[in-house]
Amino acid sequence: MSKVAIIRKVSIEHTRRRLRRFKGKYRTVSDAAGLGYSWVSKFASGERGKRPSFDFITALSVALDKLEAADAAARISRGAQRHG
């Protein structure tokens, strides 16, 4: 397996793991990424996406970055309210 193929596989699996943290919120993820809900949910379950396009992975990664940042900010805010 070439280095490019290994990096691609790692990136796909990393993105899939990140996505699975949002189980139950795949509609929100798909809307944020501008991707179809069905494709996103099937990608998360491993039914699809053995070779997703670069654009798909990029859109999904950017959306996950934003959603993870929003979750982190909400946790920080809740913590500050409890201690403030």
Protein backbone atom coordinates (compact mmCIF):
# COMPACT_ATOMS: atom_id res chain seq x y z
CA MET A 1 0.00 0.00 0.00
CA SER A 2 1.40 3.41 -0.94
CA LYS A 3 1.96 6.19 1.58
CA VAL A 4 -0.82 8.21 -0.05
CA ALA A 5 -3.24 5.29 0.27
CA ILE A 6 -2.32 4.82 3.95
CA ILE A 7 -2.77 8.52 4.72
CA ARG A 8 -6.11 8.54 2.89
CA LYS A 9 -7.35 5.50 4.83
CA VAL A 10 -6.27 7.02 8.16
CA SER A 11 -7.99 10.31 7.28
CA ILE A 12 -11.22 8.55 6.33
CA GLU A 13 -11.27 6.47 9.50
CA HIS A 14 -10.39 9.49 11.67
CA THR A 15 -13.24 11.48 10.12
CA ARG A 16 -15.63 8.55 10.62
CA ARG A 17 -14.68 8.31 14.33
CA ARG A 18 -15.20 12.05 14.78
CA LEU A 19 -18.58 11.82 13.06
CA ARG A 20 -19.71 8.94 15.28
CA ARG A 21 -19.36 11.21 18.32
CA PHE A 22 -22.37 13.06 16.88
CA LYS A 23 -24.59 9.98 16.67
CA GLY A 24 -28.18 11.15 16.84
CA LYS A 25 -27.19 14.50 15.33
CA TYR A 26 -26.32 13.39 11.80
CA ARG A 27 -29.00 15.72 10.38
CA THR A 28 -27.23 18.69 12.01
CA VAL A 29 -23.88 17.46 10.71
CA SER A 30 -25.17 16.89 7.19
CA ASP A 31 -26.79 20.34 7.11
CA ALA A 32 -23.60 22.00 8.41
CA ALA A 33 -21.52 20.17 5.80
CA GLY A 34 -23.95 20.70 2.93
CA LEU A 35 -24.11 16.94 2.40
CA GLY A 36 -27.00 14.51 2.20
CA TYR A 37 -28.23 13.05 5.48
CA SER A 38 -28.45 9.54 4.04
CA TRP A 39 -24.86 9.61 2.81
CA VAL A 40 -23.56 10.98 6.13
CA SER A 41 -25.42 8.41 8.22
CA LYS A 42 -24.31 5.55 5.96
CA PHE A 43 -20.73 6.81 6.00
CA ALA A 44 -20.82 6.83 9.81
CA SER A 45 -22.08 3.25 9.91
CA GLY A 46 -19.47 2.09 7.41
CA GLU A 47 -22.03 1.17 4.74
CA ARG A 48 -20.56 3.76 2.39
CA GLY A 49 -17.46 5.77 2.11
CA LYS A 50 -14.71 3.28 1.61
CA ARG A 51 -13.44 5.77 -0.98
CA PRO A 52 -15.24 9.08 -0.43
CA SER A 53 -14.16 12.08 -2.45
CA PHE A 54 -11.70 14.61 -1.12
CA ASP A 55 -14.47 17.25 -1.25
CA PHE A 56 -16.76 15.06 0.88
CA ILE A 57 -14.12 14.47 3.56
CA THR A 58 -13.14 18.14 3.53
CA ALA A 59 -16.74 19.38 3.88
CA LEU A 60 -17.41 16.87 6.64
CA SER A 61 -14.18 17.75 8.49
CA VAL A 62 -14.88 21.49 8.35
CA ALA A 63 -18.42 20.94 9.66
CA LEU A 64 -17.14 18.67 12.45
CA ASP A 65 -14.52 21.30 13.39
CA LYS A 66 -17.28 23.89 13.79
CA LEU A 67 -19.61 21.58 15.71
CA GLU A 68 -16.84 20.38 18.02
CA ALA A 69 -15.83 23.99 18.70
CA ALA A 70 -19.44 24.91 19.51
CA ASP A 71 -19.71 21.93 21.88
CA ALA A 72 -16.46 22.91 23.61
CA ALA A 73 -17.62 26.51 23.99
CA ALA A 74 -20.93 25.34 25.47
CA ARG A 75 -19.10 23.11 27.99
CA ILE A 76 -16.83 26.00 28.99
CA SER A 77 -19.82 28.31 29.36
CA ARG A 78 -21.68 25.79 31.52
CA GLY A 79 -18.57 25.33 33.68
CA ALA A 80 -18.15 29.09 34.12
CA GLN A 81 -21.81 29.45 35.15
CA ARG A 82 -21.43 26.75 37.80
CA HIS A 83 -18.30 28.33 39.26
CA GLY A 84 -19.19 31.95 38.71
